[in-house]
Protein backbone atom coordinates (compact mmCIF):
# COMPACT_ATOMS: atom_id res chain seq x y z
CA MET A 1 -28.22 -1.76 -7.96
CA GLU A 2 -26.18 0.34 -5.23
CA PHE A 3 -23.15 0.59 -4.94
CA GLU A 4 -21.14 2.74 -1.14
CA PHE A 5 -17.90 2.56 -1.78
CA ARG A 6 -15.06 3.84 0.83
CA HIS A 7 -10.87 3.78 1.09
CA ALA A 8 -8.15 5.81 2.34
CA LEU A 9 -5.20 7.53 0.60
CA PRO A 10 -2.10 8.02 0.64
CA ALA A 11 -2.33 12.02 0.21
CA PRO A 12 -3.52 15.03 1.33
CA VAL A 13 -7.35 15.55 0.54
CA GLU A 14 -6.32 18.80 -2.74
CA ILE A 15 -3.98 16.42 -3.26
CA VAL A 16 -6.55 14.06 -4.26
CA TRP A 17 -9.31 16.77 -5.48
CA ALA A 18 -6.83 18.04 -8.12
CA ALA A 19 -6.38 14.30 -9.57
CA ILE A 20 -9.96 13.91 -9.46
CA GLU A 21 -10.52 17.72 -11.86
CA ASP A 22 -8.22 16.19 -14.50
CA ILE A 23 -10.64 12.98 -15.92
CA GLU A 24 -8.98 12.19 -18.70
CA THR A 25 -6.01 10.99 -16.58
CA VAL A 26 -8.33 9.99 -13.29
CA ALA A 27 -10.53 7.37 -16.04
CA LEU A 28 -7.60 5.03 -16.77
CA CYS A 29 -6.90 4.58 -12.91
CA ILE A 30 -9.87 2.09 -13.36
CA PRO A 31 -8.90 -1.30 -14.39
CA GLY A 32 -9.85 -2.04 -17.53
CA VAL A 33 -10.04 1.34 -19.25
CA VAL A 34 -8.48 1.43 -22.34
CA ARG A 35 -9.47 5.31 -23.69
CA VAL A 36 -10.58 8.25 -21.70
CA GLU A 37 -11.10 11.28 -24.41
CA ARG A 38 -13.14 14.85 -23.75
CA GLU A 39 -16.02 15.19 -26.49
CA ASP A 40 -16.82 18.76 -24.44
CA ALA A 41 -16.98 20.27 -21.09
CA ASP A 42 -18.81 18.20 -19.66
CA ARG A 43 -18.78 15.13 -21.34
CA TYR A 44 -16.15 11.91 -22.23
CA VAL A 45 -16.33 8.89 -24.55
CA GLY A 46 -14.77 5.65 -23.90
CA ALA A 47 -13.88 1.93 -23.88
CA LEU A 48 -13.81 -0.05 -21.40
CA ARG A 49 -12.06 -4.01 -21.40
CA ILE A 50 -13.31 -5.93 -18.63
CA LYS A 51 -14.50 -9.89 -17.91
CA VAL A 52 -17.51 -10.14 -15.93
CA GLY A 53 -18.33 -14.35 -14.68
CA PRO A 54 -17.32 -16.49 -18.39
CA ILE A 55 -18.06 -12.91 -20.53
CA SER A 56 -15.84 -10.85 -21.62
CA LEU A 57 -17.04 -7.24 -23.34
CA GLU A 58 -16.20 -4.50 -24.74
CA LEU A 59 -18.02 -1.65 -23.26
CA GLY A 60 -18.24 1.77 -25.61
CA GLY A 61 -19.96 4.48 -24.05
CA LEU A 62 -20.03 8.15 -22.41
CA VAL A 63 -19.81 9.72 -18.92
CA THR A 64 -22.25 13.27 -18.03
CA VAL A 65 -20.48 15.11 -15.08
CA GLU A 66 -22.86 16.02 -14.07
CA LEU A 67 -21.34 17.90 -10.68
CA LEU A 68 -17.76 19.36 -10.21
CA ASP A 69 -17.69 21.14 -7.11
CA ALA A 70 -14.37 22.38 -5.68
CA ASP A 71 -15.97 23.41 -2.39
CA THR A 72 -17.02 20.10 -1.25
CA ARG A 73 -15.11 18.20 -3.10
CA THR A 74 -17.54 16.13 -5.16
CA LEU A 75 -17.44 15.11 -8.48
CA ARG A 76 -21.03 13.32 -9.60
CA PHE A 77 -21.98 11.93 -13.17
CA LEU A 78 -23.86 9.90 -16.07
CA GLY A 79 -22.19 6.12 -17.18
CA GLU A 80 -23.79 4.64 -19.76
CA ALA A 81 -22.44 2.23 -22.44
CA LYS A 82 -22.72 -1.13 -24.32
CA ASP A 83 -20.97 -3.86 -25.45
CA ARG A 84 -21.67 -4.05 -29.53
CA ARG A 85 -21.89 -7.70 -29.07
CA VAL A 86 -23.44 -8.91 -26.42
CA PRO A 87 -27.43 -7.39 -25.76
CA GLY A 88 -27.93 -5.42 -23.40
CA GLN A 89 -26.03 -2.00 -21.48
CA ILE A 90 -24.98 -0.58 -18.26
CA LYS A 91 -26.52 2.97 -17.31
CA SER A 92 -24.81 4.36 -13.69
CA ARG A 93 -25.47 7.56 -11.74
CA ALA A 94 -22.96 8.19 -9.24
CA THR A 95 -21.13 10.44 -7.00
CA LEU A 96 -16.87 10.24 -5.92
CA ILE A 97 -16.53 12.66 -2.26
CA VAL A 98 -12.38 13.30 -1.18
CA THR A 99 -12.67 14.29 2.31
CA ALA A 100 -9.05 15.36 4.58
CA HIS A 101 -8.65 12.51 7.03
CA ALA A 102 -6.96 13.52 10.56
CA ASP A 103 -3.84 12.00 9.71
CA GLY A 104 -3.66 14.61 6.75
CA GLY A 105 -4.31 11.54 4.18
CA SER A 106 -8.12 11.74 3.01
CA GLU A 107 -11.04 10.02 2.30
CA LEU A 108 -12.94 9.15 -0.73
CA TYR A 109 -16.72 7.96 -1.17
CA LEU A 110 -18.14 6.71 -3.73
CA HIS A 111 -22.54 5.72 -3.80
CA SER A 112 -23.79 4.40 -7.40
CA GLU A 113 -26.82 3.78 -8.19
CA THR A 114 -26.64 1.42 -11.29
CA HIS A 115 -28.73 -0.59 -13.63
CA ILE A 116 -27.60 -3.35 -15.81
CA LEU A 117 -30.38 -4.38 -18.82
CA GLY A 118 -30.45 -7.36 -21.68
CA LYS A 119 -28.04 -9.74 -21.67
CA ILE A 120 -25.40 -7.86 -19.67
CA GLY A 121 -28.17 -7.76 -17.15
CA GLU A 122 -28.72 -11.35 -17.11
CA PHE A 123 -24.82 -12.43 -14.90
CA GLY A 124 -26.74 -12.12 -11.76
CA GLN A 125 -26.51 -10.00 -8.57
CA PRO A 126 -23.89 -11.54 -6.79
CA VAL A 127 -21.78 -12.08 -10.08
CA VAL A 128 -22.15 -8.10 -11.15
CA ARG A 129 -21.57 -7.60 -7.32
CA LYS A 130 -18.34 -8.48 -6.32
CA LYS A 131 -16.85 -7.20 -10.03
CA THR A 132 -17.36 -4.22 -9.28
CA GLU A 133 -16.43 -4.69 -5.49
CA GLN A 134 -13.31 -6.00 -6.58
CA VAL A 135 -12.80 -3.24 -9.32
CA LEU A 136 -13.51 -0.38 -7.45
CA ARG A 137 -10.45 -1.95 -5.03
CA GLU A 138 -7.67 -1.32 -8.09
CA PHE A 139 -9.42 1.91 -8.95
CA SER A 140 -8.19 3.07 -5.44
CA GLN A 141 -4.82 0.60 -5.03
CA ASN A 142 -3.91 2.69 -8.34
CA LEU A 143 -5.05 5.86 -7.77
CA SER A 144 -3.28 5.32 -3.54
CA ARG A 145 0.04 4.80 -6.76
CA GLN A 146 -0.61 7.28 -9.01
CA LEU A 147 -0.94 10.22 -6.45
CA ILE A 148 2.47 8.70 -4.45
CA GLY A 149 4.21 8.65 -7.34
CA ASP A 150 4.68 4.99 -7.77
CA ASP A 151 2.14 4.42 -10.63
CA PRO A 152 4.58 1.89 -13.67
CA ALA A 153 1.39 3.21 -16.64
CA GLY A 154 2.92 5.91 -16.02
């Protein structure tokens, strides 16, 4: 499954990129993330609680940063996660690019290719797509609040 997402952000590109580079902090803007820890220079382990359709999942997994390029403001990563109770696996390779807007703000662009295997994949593409779009919208809203200093979490 492929996803593309764009969202305007209320901060200059330099500030947005600095937030994106702080992967442990920016990951907490993703709804449902309960834990993120750096394992080594390019790898992070974490957990995500999410409800997809009628099923609640607690996905544990690994994110490997494949590219973090400040010149092009591009982040590419591979995420792999499993739920201990529901058989299956999610693998997603995503590219995130931050660009400047003429109004002084920024745009966040995300493209991902996601593979959902096993029981988790049986939810059906429309349900998964809708949930993914909701999570991406909430992530960008949380990031916007963080950038303008209105982050209730911290």
